[in-house]
Amino acid sequence: MEITISQMTFNEIDPIIPFVRKGNMRVRNTNQTVWFGAKVGEELVGIVSCVIYETYVFYNTDFVKKEYRKKGIYSRLFVERDKFVSGLDRNLIKAKCTPFSVNHYLKNGFVATGNRKSITFVERRI
């Protein structure tokens, strides 16, 4: 299975949005949002994004289609986003994690800063 990861526009990630929403997640796009997508062939199978604020970066919208999970796609998207963010002049990354993503964040140097219902707030200084 050949996977390609690339930075994408909001219009390019449009085909996966119904799947993200079906997973009870919101998709928000702003002028400060940068999107990354994973494709298997021509099929968009996963996305991650980051929102660049003045003093920090917020990781948002982590999603991989159910049938493509547990194949390393999310890890590759995460690394690609991290590489992009390392080139920015920011020293703090924040995120809100679901029970599905929190362990991945913690294994990648993030620390939990709080909880609300099933959401864990995390951050990492760089």
PDB file of N, CA and C in Angstrom:
ATOM      1  N   MET A   1       0.853  -1.177   0.000  1.00  0.00           N
ATOM      2  CA  MET A   1       0.000   0.000   0.000  1.00  0.00           C
ATOM      3  C   MET A   1       0.898   1.240   0.000  1.00  0.00           C
ATOM      4  N   GLU A   2       0.850   1.995  -1.071  1.00  0.00           N
ATOM      5  CA  GLU A   2       1.645   3.219  -1.172  1.00  0.00           C
ATOM      6  C   GLU A   2       0.843   4.404  -0.642  1.00  0.00           C
ATOM      7  N   ILE A   3       1.435   5.082   0.333  1.00  0.00           N
ATOM      8  CA  ILE A   3       0.785   6.222   0.983  1.00  0.00           C
ATOM      9  C   ILE A   3       1.564   7.477   0.641  1.00  0.00           C
ATOM     10  N   THR A   4       0.873   8.513   0.200  1.00  0.00           N
ATOM     11  CA  THR A   4       1.520   9.800  -0.023  1.00  0.00           C
ATOM     12  C   THR A   4       0.930  10.814   0.946  1.00  0.00           C
ATOM     13  N   ILE A   5       1.819  11.600   1.555  1.00  0.00           N
ATOM     14  CA  ILE A   5       1.419  12.628   2.506  1.00  0.00           C
ATOM     15  C   ILE A   5       1.806  13.972   1.905  1.00  0.00           C
ATOM     16  N   SER A   6       0.885  14.930   1.922  1.00  0.00           N
ATOM     17  CA  SER A   6       1.212  16.250   1.394  1.00  0.00           C
ATOM     18  C   SER A   6       0.352  17.324   2.056  1.00  0.00           C
ATOM     19  N   GLN A   7       0.857  18.543   1.968  1.00  0.00           N
ATOM     20  CA  GLN A   7       0.064  19.683   2.421  1.00  0.00           C
ATOM     21  C   GLN A   7      -1.044  19.894   1.401  1.00  0.00           C
ATOM     22  N   MET A   8      -2.240  20.229   1.867  1.00  0.00           N
ATOM     23  CA  MET A   8      -3.397  20.360   0.986  1.00  0.00           C
ATOM     24  C   MET A   8      -4.183  21.617   1.309  1.00  0.00           C
ATOM     25  N   THR A   9      -5.013  22.002   0.370  1.00  0.00           N
ATOM     26  CA  THR A   9      -5.940  23.105   0.607  1.00  0.00           C
ATOM     27  C   THR A   9      -7.212  22.542   1.233  1.00  0.00           C
ATOM     28  N   PHE A  10      -8.027  23.436   1.759  1.00  0.00           N
ATOM     29  CA  PHE A  10      -9.306  23.013   2.327  1.00  0.00           C
ATOM     30  C   PHE A  10     -10.176  22.358   1.256  1.00  0.00           C
ATOM     31  N   ASN A  11     -10.156  22.886   0.049  1.00  0.00           N
ATOM     32  CA  ASN A  11     -10.938  22.283  -1.032  1.00  0.00           C
ATOM     33  C   ASN A  11     -10.473  20.871  -1.346  1.00  0.00           C
ATOM     34  N   GLU A  12      -9.177  20.603  -1.237  1.00  0.00           N
ATOM     35  CA  GLU A  12      -8.654  19.274  -1.536  1.00  0.00           C
ATOM     36  C   GLU A  12      -9.054  18.241  -0.482  1.00  0.00           C
ATOM     37  N   ILE A  13      -9.302  18.681   0.751  1.00  0.00           N
ATOM     38  CA  ILE A  13      -9.695  17.714   1.783  1.00  0.00           C
ATOM     39  C   ILE A  13     -11.213  17.502   1.821  1.00  0.00           C
ATOM     40  N   ASP A  14     -11.934  18.210   0.995  1.00  0.00           N
ATOM     41  CA  ASP A  14     -13.403  18.141   0.985  1.00  0.00           C
ATOM     42  C   ASP A  14     -13.970  16.719   0.915  1.00  0.00           C
ATOM     43  N   PRO A  15     -13.400  15.798   0.124  1.00  0.00           N
ATOM     44  CA  PRO A  15     -13.994  14.448   0.040  1.00  0.00           C
ATOM     45  C   PRO A  15     -14.039  13.684   1.370  1.00  0.00           C
ATOM     46  N   ILE A  16     -13.176  14.016   2.315  1.00  0.00           N
ATOM     47  CA  ILE A  16     -13.135  13.259   3.568  1.00  0.00           C
ATOM     48  C   ILE A  16     -14.013  13.890   4.657  1.00  0.00           C
ATOM     49  N   ILE A  17     -14.452  15.116   4.455  1.00  0.00           N
ATOM     50  CA  ILE A  17     -15.216  15.830   5.487  1.00  0.00           C
ATOM     51  C   ILE A  17     -16.464  15.068   5.955  1.00  0.00           C
ATOM     52  N   PRO A  18     -17.261  14.458   5.072  1.00  0.00           N
ATOM     53  CA  PRO A  18     -18.423  13.700   5.563  1.00  0.00           C
ATOM     54  C   PRO A  18     -18.034  12.567   6.519  1.00  0.00           C
ATOM     55  N   PHE A  19     -16.893  11.928   6.291  1.00  0.00           N
ATOM     56  CA  PHE A  19     -16.438  10.846   7.170  1.00  0.00           C
ATOM     57  C   PHE A  19     -16.013  11.398   8.531  1.00  0.00           C
ATOM     58  N   VAL A  20     -15.368  12.565   8.515  1.00  0.00           N
ATOM     59  CA  VAL A  20     -14.949  13.209   9.765  1.00  0.00           C
ATOM     60  C   VAL A  20     -16.189  13.567  10.588  1.00  0.00           C
ATOM     61  N   ARG A  21     -17.170  14.155   9.945  1.00  0.00           N
ATOM     62  CA  ARG A  21     -18.396  14.545  10.650  1.00  0.00           C
ATOM     63  C   ARG A  21     -19.163  13.334  11.146  1.00  0.00           C
ATOM     64  N   LYS A  22     -19.144  12.244  10.383  1.00  0.00           N
ATOM     65  CA  LYS A  22     -19.813  11.016  10.812  1.00  0.00           C
ATOM     66  C   LYS A  22     -19.162  10.478  12.088  1.00  0.00           C
ATOM     67  N   GLY A  23     -17.885  10.787  12.280  1.00  0.00           N
ATOM     68  CA  GLY A  23     -17.169  10.399  13.487  1.00  0.00           C
ATOM     69  C   GLY A  23     -17.363  11.383  14.628  1.00  0.00           C
ATOM     70  N   ASN A  24     -18.379  12.245  14.500  1.00  0.00           N
ATOM     71  CA  ASN A  24     -18.727  13.252  15.517  1.00  0.00           C
ATOM     72  C   ASN A  24     -17.616  14.265  15.771  1.00  0.00           C
ATOM     73  N   MET A  25     -16.868  14.583  14.733  1.00  0.00           N
ATOM     74  CA  MET A  25     -15.840  15.605  14.836  1.00  0.00           C
ATOM     75  C   MET A  25     -16.239  16.802  13.981  1.00  0.00           C
ATOM     76  N   ARG A  26     -15.762  17.963  14.397  1.00  0.00           N
ATOM     77  CA  ARG A  26     -16.025  19.175  13.626  1.00  0.00           C
ATOM     78  C   ARG A  26     -14.840  19.462  12.704  1.00  0.00           C
ATOM     79  N   VAL A  27     -15.138  20.099  11.600  1.00  0.00           N
ATOM     80  CA  VAL A  27     -14.095  20.537  10.674  1.00  0.00           C
ATOM     81  C   VAL A  27     -14.184  22.050  10.587  1.00  0.00           C
ATOM     82  N   ARG A  28     -13.123  22.691  11.058  1.00  0.00           N
ATOM     83  CA  ARG A  28     -13.080  24.154  11.019  1.00  0.00           C
ATOM     84  C   ARG A  28     -11.917  24.592  10.160  1.00  0.00           C
ATOM     85  N   ASN A  29     -12.160  25.587   9.343  1.00  0.00           N
ATOM     86  CA  ASN A  29     -11.102  26.118   8.492  1.00  0.00           C
ATOM     87  C   ASN A  29     -11.047  27.625   8.669  1.00  0.00           C
ATOM     88  N   THR A  30      -9.849  28.128   8.840  1.00  0.00           N
ATOM     89  CA  THR A  30      -9.627  29.574   8.938  1.00  0.00           C
ATOM     90  C   THR A  30      -8.458  29.938   8.024  1.00  0.00           C
ATOM     91  N   ASN A  31      -8.165  31.203   7.927  1.00  0.00           N
ATOM     92  CA  ASN A  31      -7.002  31.631   7.147  1.00  0.00           C
ATOM     93  C   ASN A  31      -5.695  31.145   7.758  1.00  0.00           C
ATOM     94  N   GLN A  32      -5.723  30.801   9.060  1.00  0.00           N
ATOM     95  CA  GLN A  32      -4.517  30.350   9.753  1.00  0.00           C
ATOM     96  C   GLN A  32      -4.383  28.820   9.771  1.00  0.00           C
ATOM     97  N   THR A  33      -5.324  28.099   9.171  1.00  0.00           N
ATOM     98  CA  THR A  33      -5.308  26.635   9.202  1.00  0.00           C
ATOM     99  C   THR A  33      -4.474  26.074   8.053  1.00  0.00           C
ATOM    100  N   VAL A  34      -3.612  25.114   8.389  1.00  0.00           N
ATOM    101  CA  VAL A  34      -2.804  24.398   7.400  1.00  0.00           C
ATOM    102  C   VAL A  34      -3.215  22.933   7.468  1.00  0.00           C
ATOM    103  N   TRP A  35      -3.527  22.345   6.314  1.00  0.00           N
ATOM    104  CA  TRP A  35      -4.026  20.970   6.222  1.00  0.00           C
ATOM    105  C   TRP A  35      -2.980  20.043   5.625  1.00  0.00           C
ATOM    106  N   PHE A  36      -2.960  18.793   6.110  1.00  0.00           N
ATOM    107  CA  PHE A  36      -2.129  17.739   5.544  1.00  0.00           C
ATOM    108  C   PHE A  36      -3.031  16.542   5.293  1.00  0.00           C
ATOM    109  N   GLY A  37      -2.828  15.890   4.160  1.00  0.00           N
ATOM    110  CA  GLY A  37      -3.653  14.741   3.821  1.00  0.00           C
ATOM    111  C   GLY A  37      -2.817  13.537   3.456  1.00  0.00           C
ATOM    112  N   ALA A  38      -3.396  12.361   3.664  1.00  0.00           N
ATOM    113  CA  ALA A  38      -2.773  11.097   3.284  1.00  0.00           C
ATOM    114  C   ALA A  38      -3.648  10.456   2.214  1.00  0.00           C
ATOM    115  N   LYS A  39      -3.001  10.046   1.133  1.00  0.00           N
ATOM    116  CA  LYS A  39      -3.710   9.365   0.061  1.00  0.00           C
ATOM    117  C   LYS A  39      -3.150   7.972  -0.143  1.00  0.00           C
ATOM    118  N   VAL A  40      -4.060   7.047  -0.413  1.00  0.00           N
ATOM    119  CA  VAL A  40      -3.704   5.713  -0.889  1.00  0.00           C
ATOM    120  C   VAL A  40      -4.206   5.694  -2.319  1.00  0.00           C
ATOM    121  N   GLY A  41      -3.273   5.719  -3.255  1.00  0.00           N
ATOM    122  CA  GLY A  41      -3.656   5.919  -4.649  1.00  0.00           C
ATOM    123  C   GLY A  41      -4.251   7.318  -4.779  1.00  0.00           C
ATOM    124  N   GLU A  42      -5.449   7.398  -5.293  1.00  0.00           N
ATOM    125  CA  GLU A  42      -6.134   8.686  -5.426  1.00  0.00           C
ATOM    126  C   GLU A  42      -7.107   8.956  -4.280  1.00  0.00           C
ATOM    127  N   GLU A  43      -7.280   7.968  -3.392  1.00  0.00           N
ATOM    128  CA  GLU A  43      -8.251   8.107  -2.306  1.00  0.00           C
ATOM    129  C   GLU A  43      -7.647   8.821  -1.093  1.00  0.00           C
ATOM    130  N   LEU A  44      -8.302   9.890  -0.674  1.00  0.00           N
ATOM    131  CA  LEU A  44      -7.906  10.611   0.538  1.00  0.00           C
ATOM    132  C   LEU A  44      -8.399   9.804   1.733  1.00  0.00           C
ATOM    133  N   VAL A  45      -7.459   9.343   2.574  1.00  0.00           N
ATOM    134  CA  VAL A  45      -7.827   8.432   3.658  1.00  0.00           C
ATOM    135  C   VAL A  45      -7.602   9.017   5.049  1.00  0.00           C
ATOM    136  N   GLY A  46      -6.915  10.158   5.141  1.00  0.00           N
ATOM    137  CA  GLY A  46      -6.671  10.749   6.449  1.00  0.00           C
ATOM    138  C   GLY A  46      -6.245  12.197   6.334  1.00  0.00           C
ATOM    139  N   ILE A  47      -6.517  12.962   7.388  1.00  0.00           N
ATOM    140  CA  ILE A  47      -6.127  14.369   7.433  1.00  0.00           C
ATOM    141  C   ILE A  47      -5.706  14.756   8.850  1.00  0.00           C
ATOM    142  N   VAL A  48      -4.864  15.748   8.931  1.00  0.00           N
ATOM    143  CA  VAL A  48      -4.570  16.452  10.170  1.00  0.00           C
ATOM    144  C   VAL A  48      -4.447  17.925   9.806  1.00  0.00           C
ATOM    145  N   SER A  49      -4.598  18.784  10.807  1.00  0.00           N
ATOM    146  CA  SER A  49      -4.416  20.206  10.549  1.00  0.00           C
ATOM    147  C   SER A  49      -3.747  20.861  11.744  1.00  0.00           C
ATOM    148  N   CYS A  50      -3.280  22.071  11.508  1.00  0.00           N
ATOM    149  CA  CYS A  50      -2.783  22.909  12.589  1.00  0.00           C
ATOM    150  C   CYS A  50      -3.230  24.333  12.308  1.00  0.00           C
ATOM    151  N   VAL A  51      -3.487  25.034  13.379  1.00  0.00           N
ATOM    152  CA  VAL A  51      -3.911  26.432  13.287  1.00  0.00           C
ATOM    153  C   VAL A  51      -2.784  27.263  13.894  1.00  0.00           C
ATOM    154  N   ILE A  52      -2.284  28.205  13.110  1.00  0.00           N
ATOM    155  CA  ILE A  52      -1.130  28.987  13.528  1.00  0.00           C
ATOM    156  C   ILE A  52      -1.611  30.297  14.147  1.00  0.00           C
ATOM    157  N   TYR A  53      -1.425  30.396  15.448  1.00  0.00           N
ATOM    158  CA  TYR A  53      -1.755  31.619  16.174  1.00  0.00           C
ATOM    159  C   TYR A  53      -0.484  32.433  16.404  1.00  0.00           C
ATOM    160  N   GLU A  54      -0.643  33.625  16.922  1.00  0.00           N
ATOM    161  CA  GLU A  54       0.490  34.527  17.103  1.00  0.00           C
ATOM    162  C   GLU A  54       1.564  33.950  18.026  1.00  0.00           C
ATOM    163  N   THR A  55       1.151  33.270  19.107  1.00  0.00           N
ATOM    164  CA  THR A  55       2.132  32.807  20.090  1.00  0.00           C
ATOM    165  C   THR A  55       2.213  31.283  20.222  1.00  0.00           C
ATOM    166  N   TYR A  56       1.354  30.535  19.550  1.00  0.00           N
ATOM    167  CA  TYR A  56       1.388  29.071  19.627  1.00  0.00           C
ATOM    168  C   TYR A  56       0.711  28.467  18.405  1.00  0.00           C
ATOM    169  N   VAL A  57       0.820  27.148  18.301  1.00  0.00           N
ATOM    170  CA  VAL A  57       0.164  26.391  17.234  1.00  0.00           C
ATOM    171  C   VAL A  57      -0.807  25.422  17.886  1.00  0.00           C
ATOM    172  N   PHE A  58      -1.992  25.284  17.291  1.00  0.00           N
ATOM    173  CA  PHE A  58      -3.006  24.370  17.809  1.00  0.00           C
ATOM    174  C   PHE A  58      -3.189  23.228  16.820  1.00  0.00           C
ATOM    175  N   TYR A  59      -2.960  21.998  17.276  1.00  0.00           N
ATOM    176  CA  TYR A  59      -3.184  20.823  16.430  1.00  0.00           C
ATOM    177  C   TYR A  59      -4.659  20.469  16.472  1.00  0.00           C
ATOM    178  N   ASN A  60      -5.224  20.256  15.298  1.00  0.00           N
ATOM    179  CA  ASN A  60      -6.665  20.111  15.181  1.00  0.00           C
ATOM    180  C   ASN A  60      -7.000  19.061  14.117  1.00  0.00           C
ATOM    181  N   THR A  61      -8.194  18.516  14.192  1.00  0.00           N
ATOM    182  CA  THR A  61      -8.776  17.651  13.170  1.00  0.00           C
ATOM    183  C   THR A  61      -7.873  16.496  12.758  1.00  0.00           C
ATOM    184  N   ASP A  62      -7.591  15.599  13.679  1.00  0.00           N
ATOM    185  CA  ASP A  62      -6.836  14.383  13.378  1.00  0.00           C
ATOM    186  C   ASP A  62      -7.845  13.290  13.019  1.00  0.00           C
ATOM    187  N   PHE A  63      -7.745  12.761  11.791  1.00  0.00           N
ATOM    188  CA  PHE A  63      -8.724  11.756  11.372  1.00  0.00           C
ATOM    189  C   PHE A  63      -8.145  10.840  10.300  1.00  0.00           C
ATOM    190  N   VAL A  64      -8.404   9.533  10.459  1.00  0.00           N
ATOM    191  CA  VAL A  64      -8.097   8.533   9.437  1.00  0.00           C
ATOM    192  C   VAL A  64      -9.340   7.666   9.285  1.00  0.00           C
ATOM    193  N   LYS A  65      -9.716   7.396   8.034  1.00  0.00           N
ATOM    194  CA  LYS A  65     -10.874   6.539   7.784  1.00  0.00           C
ATOM    195  C   LYS A  65     -10.697   5.206   8.503  1.00  0.00           C
ATOM    196  N   LYS A  66     -11.804   4.697   9.015  1.00  0.00           N
ATOM    197  CA  LYS A  66     -11.792   3.500   9.854  1.00  0.00           C
ATOM    198  C   LYS A  66     -11.043   2.322   9.220  1.00  0.00           C
ATOM    199  N   GLU A  67     -11.293   2.069   7.951  1.00  0.00           N
ATOM    200  CA  GLU A  67     -10.682   0.898   7.304  1.00  0.00           C
ATOM    201  C   GLU A  67      -9.174   1.063   7.053  1.00  0.00           C
ATOM    202  N   TYR A  68      -8.629   2.264   7.294  1.00  0.00           N
ATOM    203  CA  TYR A  68      -7.198   2.509   7.094  1.00  0.00           C
ATOM    204  C   TYR A  68      -6.455   2.733   8.413  1.00  0.00           C
ATOM    205  N   ARG A  69      -7.135   2.574   9.520  1.00  0.00           N
ATOM    206  CA  ARG A  69      -6.488   2.757  10.817  1.00  0.00           C
ATOM    207  C   ARG A  69      -5.563   1.576  11.121  1.00  0.00           C
ATOM    208  N   LYS A  70      -4.614   1.811  12.027  1.00  0.00           N
ATOM    209  CA  LYS A  70      -3.643   0.789  12.458  1.00  0.00           C
ATOM    210  C   LYS A  70      -2.694   0.387  11.328  1.00  0.00           C
ATOM    211  N   LYS A  71      -2.445   1.315  10.385  1.00  0.00           N
ATOM    212  CA  LYS A  71      -1.533   1.047   9.272  1.00  0.00           C
ATOM    213  C   LYS A  71      -0.398   2.082   9.221  1.00  0.00           C
ATOM    214  N   GLY A  72      -0.269   2.900  10.273  1.00  0.00           N
ATOM    215  CA  GLY A  72       0.811   3.888  10.321  1.00  0.00           C
ATOM    216  C   GLY A  72       0.510   5.207   9.635  1.00  0.00           C
ATOM    217  N   ILE A  73      -0.689   5.345   9.097  1.00  0.00           N
ATOM    218  CA  ILE A  73      -1.033   6.570   8.361  1.00  0.00           C
ATOM    219  C   ILE A  73      -1.089   7.766   9.295  1.00  0.00           C
ATOM    220  N   TYR A  74      -1.737   7.605  10.433  1.00  0.00           N
ATOM    221  CA  TYR A  74      -1.837   8.718  11.379  1.00  0.00           C
ATOM    222  C   TYR A  74      -0.450   9.151  11.863  1.00  0.00           C
ATOM    223  N   SER A  75       0.410   8.196  12.138  1.00  0.00           N
ATOM    224  CA  SER A  75       1.773   8.524  12.578  1.00  0.00           C
ATOM    225  C   SER A  75       2.512   9.323  11.519  1.00  0.00           C
ATOM    226  N   ARG A  76       2.366   8.956  10.274  1.00  0.00           N
ATOM    227  CA  ARG A  76       3.035   9.685   9.193  1.00  0.00           C
ATOM    228  C   ARG A  76       2.472  11.091   9.039  1.00  0.00           C
ATOM    229  N   LEU A  77       1.166  11.240   9.170  1.00  0.00           N
ATOM    230  CA  LEU A  77       0.561  12.580   9.120  1.00  0.00           C
ATOM    231  C   LEU A  77       1.065  13.435  10.278  1.00  0.00           C
ATOM    232  N   PHE A  78       1.131  12.849  11.453  1.00  0.00           N
ATOM    233  CA  PHE A  78       1.581  13.543  12.658  1.00  0.00           C
ATOM    234  C   PHE A  78       3.016  14.051  12.472  1.00  0.00           C
ATOM    235  N   VAL A  79       3.891  13.190  11.945  1.00  0.00           N
ATOM    236  CA  VAL A  79       5.289  13.562  11.714  1.00  0.00           C
ATOM    237  C   VAL A  79       5.383  14.696  10.695  1.00  0.00           C
ATOM    238  N   GLU A  80       4.621  14.615   9.626  1.00  0.00           N
ATOM    239  CA  GLU A  80       4.670  15.647   8.587  1.00  0.00           C
ATOM    240  C   GLU A  80       4.225  17.003   9.150  1.00  0.00           C
ATOM    241  N   ARG A  81       3.184  16.977   9.951  1.00  0.00           N
ATOM    242  CA  ARG A  81       2.714  18.224  10.586  1.00  0.00           C
ATOM    243  C   ARG A  81       3.774  18.749  11.549  1.00  0.00           C
ATOM    244  N   ASP A  82       4.385  17.873  12.341  1.00  0.00           N
ATOM    245  CA  ASP A  82       5.454  18.277  13.257  1.00  0.00           C
ATOM    246  C   ASP A  82       6.616  18.933  12.509  1.00  0.00           C
ATOM    247  N   LYS A  83       7.005  18.353  11.369  1.00  0.00           N
ATOM    248  CA  LYS A  83       8.099  18.924  10.568  1.00  0.00           C
ATOM    249  C   LYS A  83       7.745  20.346  10.131  1.00  0.00           C
ATOM    250  N   PHE A  84       6.529  20.529   9.660  1.00  0.00           N
ATOM    251  CA  PHE A  84       6.086  21.850   9.218  1.00  0.00           C
ATOM    252  C   PHE A  84       6.147  22.845  10.374  1.00  0.00           C
ATOM    253  N   VAL A  85       5.625  22.457  11.522  1.00  0.00           N
ATOM    254  CA  VAL A  85       5.555  23.353  12.676  1.00  0.00           C
ATOM    255  C   VAL A  85       6.945  23.676  13.217  1.00  0.00           C
ATOM    256  N   SER A  86       7.892  22.741  13.097  1.00  0.00           N
ATOM    257  CA  SER A  86       9.242  23.009  13.597  1.00  0.00           C
ATOM    258  C   SER A  86       9.908  24.156  12.845  1.00  0.00           C
ATOM    259  N   GLY A  87       9.444  24.466  11.669  1.00  0.00           N
ATOM    260  CA  GLY A  87       9.988  25.580  10.889  1.00  0.00           C
ATOM    261  C   GLY A  87       9.347  26.918  11.190  1.00  0.00           C
ATOM    262  N   LEU A  88       8.372  26.925  12.085  1.00  0.00           N
ATOM    263  CA  LEU A  88       7.695  28.176  12.445  1.00  0.00           C
ATOM    264  C   LEU A  88       8.364  28.795  13.670  1.00  0.00           C
ATOM    265  N   ASP A  89       8.139  30.044  13.881  1.00  0.00           N
ATOM    266  CA  ASP A  89       8.702  30.733  15.039  1.00  0.00           C
ATOM    267  C   ASP A  89       7.710  30.680  16.205  1.00  0.00           C
ATOM    268  N   ARG A  90       7.427  29.453  16.666  1.00  0.00           N
ATOM    269  CA  ARG A  90       6.527  29.245  17.802  1.00  0.00           C
ATOM    270  C   ARG A  90       7.196  28.243  18.735  1.00  0.00           C
ATOM    271  N   ASN A  91       6.980  28.374  20.035  1.00  0.00           N
ATOM    272  CA  ASN A  91       7.601  27.432  20.962  1.00  0.00           C
ATOM    273  C   ASN A  91       6.586  26.638  21.773  1.00  0.00           C
ATOM    274  N   LEU A  92       5.309  26.705  21.378  1.00  0.00           N
ATOM    275  CA  LEU A  92       4.270  25.982  22.102  1.00  0.00           C
ATOM    276  C   LEU A  92       3.257  25.409  21.128  1.00  0.00           C
ATOM    277  N   ILE A  93       2.929  24.127  21.330  1.00  0.00           N
ATOM    278  CA  ILE A  93       1.871  23.465  20.564  1.00  0.00           C
ATOM    279  C   ILE A  93       0.819  22.999  21.560  1.00  0.00           C
ATOM    280  N   LYS A  94      -0.440  23.278  21.258  1.00  0.00           N
ATOM    281  CA  LYS A  94      -1.556  22.848  22.102  1.00  0.00           C
ATOM    282  C   LYS A  94      -2.484  21.959  21.275  1.00  0.00           C
ATOM    283  N   ALA A  95      -3.248  21.116  21.969  1.00  0.00           N
ATOM    284  CA  ALA A  95      -4.229  20.270  21.293  1.00  0.00           C
ATOM    285  C   ALA A  95      -5.289  19.812  22.284  1.00  0.00           C
ATOM    286  N   LYS A  96      -6.444  19.428  21.729  1.00  0.00           N
ATOM    287  CA  LYS A  96      -7.500  18.757  22.486  1.00  0.00           C
ATOM    288  C   LYS A  96      -7.579  17.349  21.933  1.00  0.00           C
ATOM    289  N   CYS A  97      -7.457  16.354  22.812  1.00  0.00           N
ATOM    290  CA  CYS A  97      -7.398  14.964  22.365  1.00  0.00           C
ATOM    291  C   CYS A  97      -8.640  14.181  22.778  1.00  0.00           C
ATOM    292  N   THR A  98      -9.018  13.275  21.899  1.00  0.00           N
ATOM    293  CA  THR A  98     -10.053  12.299  22.224  1.00  0.00           C
ATOM    294  C   THR A  98      -9.360  11.102  22.863  1.00  0.00           C
ATOM    295  N   PRO A  99     -10.135  10.172  23.404  1.00  0.00           N
ATOM    296  CA  PRO A  99      -9.510   8.952  23.938  1.00  0.00           C
ATOM    297  C   PRO A  99      -8.713   8.184  22.874  1.00  0.00           C
ATOM    298  N   PHE A 100      -9.036   8.372  21.592  1.00  0.00           N
ATOM    299  CA  PHE A 100      -8.339   7.675  20.515  1.00  0.00           C
ATOM    300  C   PHE A 100      -6.961   8.252  20.231  1.00  0.00           C
ATOM    301  N   SER A 101      -6.767   9.553  20.468  1.00  0.00           N
ATOM    302  CA  SER A 101      -5.503  10.192  20.089  1.00  0.00           C
ATOM    303  C   SER A 101      -4.606  10.559  21.261  1.00  0.00           C
ATOM    304  N   VAL A 102      -5.114  10.558  22.478  1.00  0.00           N
ATOM    305  CA  VAL A 102      -4.342  11.087  23.605  1.00  0.00           C
ATOM    306  C   VAL A 102      -3.029  10.323  23.821  1.00  0.00           C
ATOM    307  N   ASN A 103      -3.023   9.006  23.712  1.00  0.00           N
ATOM    308  CA  ASN A 103      -1.795   8.248  23.930  1.00  0.00           C
ATOM    309  C   ASN A 103      -0.721   8.584  22.900  1.00  0.00           C
ATOM    310  N   HIS A 104      -1.138   8.813  21.655  1.00  0.00           N
ATOM    311  CA  HIS A 104      -0.179   9.181  20.616  1.00  0.00           C
ATOM    312  C   HIS A 104       0.482  10.521  20.958  1.00  0.00           C
ATOM    313  N   TYR A 105      -0.308  11.466  21.409  1.00  0.00           N
ATOM    314  CA  TYR A 105       0.239  12.770  21.798  1.00  0.00           C
ATOM    315  C   TYR A 105       1.202  12.625  22.974  1.00  0.00           C
ATOM    316  N   LEU A 106       0.812  11.877  23.987  1.00  0.00           N
ATOM    317  CA  LEU A 106       1.662  11.711  25.168  1.00  0.00           C
ATOM    318  C   LEU A 106       2.980  11.023  24.800  1.00  0.00           C
ATOM    319  N   LYS A 107       2.934  10.061  23.879  1.00  0.00           N
ATOM    320  CA  LYS A 107       4.151   9.374  23.435  1.00  0.00           C
ATOM    321  C   LYS A 107       5.042  10.295  22.600  1.00  0.00           C
ATOM    322  N   ASN A 108       4.500  11.397  22.126  1.00  0.00           N
ATOM    323  CA  ASN A 108       5.259  12.334  21.298  1.00  0.00           C
ATOM    324  C   ASN A 108       5.603  13.620  22.042  1.00  0.00           C
ATOM    325  N   GLY A 109       5.759  13.516  23.354  1.00  0.00           N
ATOM    326  CA  GLY A 109       6.287  14.633  24.136  1.00  0.00           C
ATOM    327  C   GLY A 109       5.286  15.635  24.666  1.00  0.00           C
ATOM    328  N   PHE A 110       4.007  15.407  24.433  1.00  0.00           N
ATOM    329  CA  PHE A 110       2.985  16.298  24.970  1.00  0.00           C
ATOM    330  C   PHE A 110       2.697  15.913  26.417  1.00  0.00           C
ATOM    331  N   VAL A 111       2.281  16.880  27.207  1.00  0.00           N
ATOM    332  CA  VAL A 111       1.856  16.617  28.583  1.00  0.00           C
ATOM    333  C   VAL A 111       0.407  17.056  28.745  1.00  0.00           C
ATOM    334  N   ALA A 112      -0.328  16.301  29.531  1.00  0.00           N
ATOM    335  CA  ALA A 112      -1.732  16.631  29.792  1.00  0.00           C
ATOM    336  C   ALA A 112      -1.791  17.845  30.706  1.00  0.00           C
ATOM    337  N   THR A 113      -2.676  18.787  30.370  1.00  0.00           N
ATOM    338  CA  THR A 113      -2.828  20.000  31.182  1.00  0.00           C
ATOM    339  C   THR A 113      -4.226  20.122  31.777  1.00  0.00           C
ATOM    340  N   GLY A 114      -5.138  19.214  31.394  1.00  0.00           N
ATOM    341  CA  GLY A 114      -6.489  19.259  31.939  1.00  0.00           C
ATOM    342  C   GLY A 114      -7.416  18.326  31.197  1.00  0.00           C
ATOM    343  N   ASN A 115      -8.619  18.173  31.741  1.00  0.00           N
ATOM    344  CA  ASN A 115      -9.644  17.311  31.148  1.00  0.00           C
ATOM    345  C   ASN A 115     -10.998  18.003  31.231  1.00  0.00           C
ATOM    346  N   ARG A 116     -11.853  17.675  30.274  1.00  0.00           N
ATOM    347  CA  ARG A 116     -13.251  18.069  30.335  1.00  0.00           C
ATOM    348  C   ARG A 116     -14.048  17.009  29.591  1.00  0.00           C
ATOM    349  N   LYS A 117     -14.890  16.327  30.323  1.00  0.00           N
ATOM    350  CA  LYS A 117     -15.633  15.174  29.795  1.00  0.00           C
ATOM    351  C   LYS A 117     -14.631  14.179  29.222  1.00  0.00           C
ATOM    352  N   SER A 118     -14.739  13.830  27.936  1.00  0.00           N
ATOM    353  CA  SER A 118     -13.827  12.844  27.363  1.00  0.00           C
ATOM    354  C   SER A 118     -12.651  13.490  26.627  1.00  0.00           C
ATOM    355  N   ILE A 119     -12.487  14.787  26.773  1.00  0.00           N
ATOM    356  CA  ILE A 119     -11.416  15.514  26.091  1.00  0.00           C
ATOM    357  C   ILE A 119     -10.254  15.747  27.063  1.00  0.00           C
ATOM    358  N   THR A 120      -9.041  15.491  26.577  1.00  0.00           N
ATOM    359  CA  THR A 120      -7.828  15.783  27.349  1.00  0.00           C
ATOM    360  C   THR A 120      -7.089  16.918  26.643  1.00  0.00           C
ATOM    361  N   PHE A 121      -6.763  17.956  27.380  1.00  0.00           N
ATOM    362  CA  PHE A 121      -6.000  19.080  26.850  1.00  0.00           C
ATOM    363  C   PHE A 121      -4.522  18.763  27.041  1.00  0.00           C
ATOM    364  N   VAL A 122      -3.732  18.953  25.988  1.00  0.00           N
ATOM    365  CA  VAL A 122      -2.301  18.662  26.045  1.00  0.00           C
ATOM    366  C   VAL A 122      -1.518  19.823  25.445  1.00  0.00           C
ATOM    367  N   GLU A 123      -0.220  19.874  25.784  1.00  0.00           N
ATOM    368  CA  GLU A 123       0.650  20.839  25.146  1.00  0.00           C
ATOM    369  C   GLU A 123       2.084  20.326  25.173  1.00  0.00           C
ATOM    370  N   ARG A 124       2.879  20.892  24.270  1.00  0.00           N
ATOM    371  CA  ARG A 124       4.299  20.543  24.174  1.00  0.00           C
ATOM    372  C   ARG A 124       5.094  21.805  23.849  1.00  0.00           C
ATOM    373  N   ARG A 125       6.132  22.041  24.626  1.00  0.00           N
ATOM    374  CA  ARG A 125       7.056  23.150  24.354  1.00  0.00           C
ATOM    375  C   ARG A 125       8.115  22.654  23.383  1.00  0.00           C
ATOM    376  N   ILE A 126       8.466  23.511  22.434  1.00  0.00           N
ATOM    377  CA  ILE A 126       9.521  23.141  21.472  1.00  0.00           C
ATOM    378  C   ILE A 126      10.589  24.216  21.433  1.00  0.00           C
TER     379      ILE A 126
END
